[in-house]
Amino acid sequence: NMFFTQSMIYLQELRMTSKDDVYIPIMLVLALVGFIVQSIIRVAWTFMICHFFKNKTKLQDFLRQHLEQGLIESLRSFFKAVLWGFVFIFPGFHRFFQYQFVLYVVGLDENYDKDQVDALGESVRLSRGHMTGISTLIVIFGLLSLVFTSGYFITDRPVQVLAVEAVGFILVIIQTIYFLHLFQDIRAE
């Protein structure tokens, strides 16, 4: 995340100083690469936390078994939420909130492993009746992430940028653990 943010800030500064639009395609490519890399990291990180709290197999085996499907389902949920967002803004956000459990279904649901349940459908089913809590958590963690986002170059203020990134990383850990426990509590109902 830090590399992506720092690169975008640098390219924006170059664009502003040169008044040239040559940097826009570079920024778009960087944004696409950043999206892909951050998606992979998010899926891998979520599965590592699922493994830590739930699984008894080796982490390498767990990731080998679930990572590919997790990426596919994660992208599927993202693009379905975006498509809903094209219809109206609110339905897109609603779908985004409903798909918060997709990775937990892929990593922890035995029925998903047996092809007896669709990850998106199961996530929607699990989120019914819990949308207020889910959306509140997403908004709280989103606002905290915005607060702990640095707009400075790492070369100008390295300690501040690294401290802000460390706090942001800790927030991601807490959010993932909290959603994992919420997923487990809802499934136990």
Protein backbone atom coordinates (compact mmCIF):
# COMPACT_ATOMS: atom_id res chain seq x y z
CA ASN A 1 0.00 0.00 0.00
CA MET A 2 2.79 2.41 0.89
CA PHE A 3 4.57 1.86 -2.44
CA PHE A 4 1.33 2.43 -4.33
CA THR A 5 0.45 5.59 -2.40
CA GLN A 6 3.94 7.03 -2.64
CA SER A 7 4.10 6.33 -6.37
CA MET A 8 0.76 8.02 -7.01
CA ILE A 9 1.78 11.07 -4.97
CA TYR A 10 5.05 11.31 -6.89
CA LEU A 11 3.35 11.00 -10.28
CA GLN A 12 0.75 13.60 -9.30
CA GLU A 13 3.53 15.99 -8.30
CA LEU A 14 5.30 15.41 -11.63
CA ARG A 15 2.05 16.02 -13.48
CA MET A 16 1.39 19.26 -11.61
CA THR A 17 4.89 20.64 -12.15
CA SER A 18 5.13 19.82 -15.86
CA LYS A 19 1.51 20.64 -16.76
CA ASP A 20 1.69 17.71 -19.16
CA ASP A 21 -0.86 14.92 -19.43
CA VAL A 22 1.78 12.30 -20.29
CA TYR A 23 1.61 11.06 -16.70
CA ILE A 24 -2.11 10.18 -16.80
CA PRO A 25 -1.63 6.82 -18.65
CA ILE A 26 1.19 5.95 -16.25
CA MET A 27 -1.08 6.75 -13.31
CA LEU A 28 -3.86 4.58 -14.76
CA VAL A 29 -1.49 1.64 -15.26
CA LEU A 30 -0.13 2.11 -11.75
CA ALA A 31 -3.67 2.24 -10.37
CA LEU A 32 -4.54 -1.03 -12.16
CA VAL A 33 -1.36 -2.74 -10.97
CA GLY A 34 -1.95 -1.40 -7.46
CA PHE A 35 -5.52 -2.75 -7.50
CA ILE A 36 -4.35 -6.20 -8.57
CA VAL A 37 -1.48 -6.36 -6.07
CA GLN A 38 -3.61 -5.05 -3.22
CA SER A 39 -6.32 -7.60 -4.07
CA ILE A 40 -3.82 -10.45 -3.90
CA ILE A 41 -2.38 -9.16 -0.64
CA ARG A 42 -5.86 -8.68 0.88
CA VAL A 43 -6.94 -12.21 -0.03
CA ALA A 44 -3.67 -13.76 1.20
CA TRP A 45 -3.79 -11.74 4.41
CA THR A 46 -7.40 -12.71 5.14
CA PHE A 47 -6.58 -16.37 4.58
CA MET A 48 -3.52 -16.15 6.84
CA ILE A 49 -5.70 -14.80 9.64
CA CYS A 50 -8.36 -17.45 8.96
CA HIS A 51 -5.65 -20.09 9.13
CA PHE A 52 -4.19 -18.68 12.33
CA PHE A 53 -7.53 -18.70 14.16
CA LYS A 54 -9.17 -21.75 12.68
CA ASN A 55 -7.08 -24.25 10.73
CA LYS A 56 -4.72 -27.00 11.82
CA THR A 57 -3.08 -27.65 8.43
CA LYS A 58 0.16 -26.02 7.31
CA LEU A 59 -0.24 -22.43 6.14
CA GLN A 60 1.37 -23.21 2.80
CA ASP A 61 -1.13 -26.02 2.12
CA PHE A 62 -4.06 -23.85 3.22
CA LEU A 63 -3.02 -20.99 0.91
CA ARG A 64 -2.37 -23.38 -1.97
CA GLN A 65 -5.86 -24.82 -1.52
CA HIS A 66 -7.79 -21.54 -1.17
CA LEU A 67 -5.83 -18.63 -2.66
CA GLU A 68 -6.87 -19.04 -6.30
CA GLN A 69 -10.56 -19.45 -5.50
CA GLY A 70 -10.34 -16.59 -3.04
CA LEU A 71 -8.99 -14.28 -5.73
CA ILE A 72 -11.67 -15.36 -8.18
CA GLU A 73 -14.50 -14.91 -5.67
CA SER A 74 -13.06 -11.61 -4.44
CA LEU A 75 -12.95 -10.19 -7.96
CA ARG A 76 -16.39 -11.61 -8.67
CA SER A 77 -17.83 -9.85 -5.63
CA PHE A 78 -16.04 -6.59 -6.45
CA PHE A 79 -17.29 -6.45 -10.03
CA LYS A 80 -20.82 -7.49 -9.08
CA ALA A 81 -20.93 -4.67 -6.51
CA VAL A 82 -19.59 -2.25 -9.15
CA LEU A 83 -22.28 -3.37 -11.60
CA TRP A 84 -24.93 -2.81 -8.95
CA GLY A 85 -23.36 0.61 -8.35
CA PHE A 86 -23.87 1.50 -12.01
CA VAL A 87 -27.62 1.03 -11.55
CA PHE A 88 -27.74 3.24 -8.47
CA ILE A 89 -25.13 4.18 -5.89
CA PHE A 90 -26.96 2.78 -2.87
CA PRO A 91 -27.48 -0.76 -4.26
CA GLY A 92 -23.76 -0.91 -5.07
CA PHE A 93 -22.79 -0.07 -1.50
CA HIS A 94 -25.43 -2.47 -0.20
CA ARG A 95 -23.95 -5.31 -2.28
CA PHE A 96 -20.43 -4.36 -1.22
CA PHE A 97 -21.50 -4.66 2.43
CA GLN A 98 -23.27 -7.96 1.77
CA TYR A 99 -20.14 -9.46 0.16
CA GLN A 100 -17.90 -8.86 3.19
CA PHE A 101 -17.94 -12.54 4.14
CA VAL A 102 -16.99 -13.96 0.72
CA LEU A 103 -13.37 -14.72 1.62
CA TYR A 104 -14.38 -16.28 4.94
CA VAL A 105 -16.84 -18.55 3.12
CA VAL A 106 -14.11 -19.60 0.68
CA GLY A 107 -11.56 -20.23 3.41
CA LEU A 108 -13.68 -21.69 6.20
CA ASP A 109 -16.90 -23.15 4.85
CA GLU A 110 -16.73 -26.89 4.26
CA ASN A 111 -19.82 -26.71 2.04
CA TYR A 112 -17.98 -24.35 -0.30
CA ASP A 113 -15.15 -26.85 -0.59
CA LYS A 114 -17.71 -29.50 -1.60
CA ASP A 115 -19.32 -27.14 -4.20
CA GLN A 116 -22.58 -27.15 -2.25
CA VAL A 117 -22.72 -23.38 -1.74
CA ASP A 118 -21.92 -20.26 -3.75
CA ALA A 119 -19.61 -17.87 -1.88
CA LEU A 120 -21.47 -14.72 -2.91
CA GLY A 121 -24.87 -16.20 -2.17
CA GLU A 122 -23.73 -17.49 1.21
CA SER A 123 -22.22 -14.13 2.09
CA VAL A 124 -25.51 -12.39 1.22
CA ARG A 125 -27.42 -14.95 3.29
CA LEU A 126 -25.14 -14.50 6.29
CA SER A 127 -25.32 -10.71 6.15
CA ARG A 128 -29.14 -10.60 6.23
CA GLY A 129 -30.27 -9.04 9.46
CA HIS A 130 -26.75 -7.81 10.24
CA MET A 131 -26.39 -5.00 7.71
CA THR A 132 -26.42 -2.24 10.34
CA GLY A 133 -23.51 -3.79 12.21
CA ILE A 134 -21.57 -4.62 9.04
CA SER A 135 -22.01 -1.17 7.53
CA THR A 136 -21.13 0.52 10.83
CA LEU A 137 -17.90 -1.46 11.05
CA ILE A 138 -16.98 -0.68 7.46
CA VAL A 139 -17.63 3.03 7.94
CA ILE A 140 -15.67 3.14 11.22
CA PHE A 141 -12.65 1.32 9.78
CA GLY A 142 -12.89 3.36 6.57
CA LEU A 143 -12.85 6.64 8.48
CA LEU A 144 -9.97 5.46 10.64
CA SER A 145 -8.06 4.49 7.49
CA LEU A 146 -8.62 7.97 6.08
CA VAL A 147 -7.34 9.54 9.28
CA PHE A 148 -4.20 7.41 9.13
CA THR A 149 -3.32 8.14 5.51
CA SER A 150 -0.19 10.15 4.87
CA GLY A 151 0.02 12.54 1.97
CA TYR A 152 3.73 13.13 2.38
CA PHE A 153 6.68 11.72 0.48
CA ILE A 154 8.61 9.07 2.34
CA THR A 155 11.79 11.03 1.55
CA ASP A 156 10.40 14.21 3.16
CA ARG A 157 9.03 12.69 6.37
CA PRO A 158 10.08 9.03 6.57
CA VAL A 159 9.25 8.49 10.25
CA GLN A 160 5.78 9.98 9.91
CA VAL A 161 4.98 8.05 6.72
CA LEU A 162 6.19 4.74 8.16
CA ALA A 163 4.32 5.32 11.44
CA VAL A 164 1.10 6.11 9.60
CA GLU A 165 1.51 3.02 7.40
CA ALA A 166 2.17 0.86 10.48
CA VAL A 167 -1.02 2.14 12.13
CA GLY A 168 -2.93 1.50 8.90
CA PHE A 169 -1.58 -2.06 8.78
CA ILE A 170 -2.65 -2.65 12.39
CA LEU A 171 -6.13 -1.37 11.50
CA VAL A 172 -6.31 -3.89 8.64
CA ILE A 173 -5.35 -6.68 11.04
CA ILE A 174 -7.98 -5.62 13.57
CA GLN A 175 -10.65 -5.26 10.89
CA THR A 176 -9.92 -8.70 9.43
CA ILE A 177 -9.97 -10.36 12.84
CA TYR A 178 -13.18 -8.58 13.80
CA PHE A 179 -14.94 -9.64 10.59
CA LEU A 180 -13.68 -13.21 11.07
CA HIS A 181 -15.22 -13.35 14.54
CA LEU A 182 -18.41 -11.73 13.27
CA PHE A 183 -18.57 -14.35 10.50
CA GLN A 184 -18.10 -17.15 13.04
CA ASP A 185 -20.73 -15.68 15.41
CA ILE A 186 -23.31 -15.31 12.63
CA ARG A 187 -22.69 -18.86 11.40
CA ALA A 188 -23.15 -20.16 14.94
CA GLU A 189 -26.61 -18.55 15.23
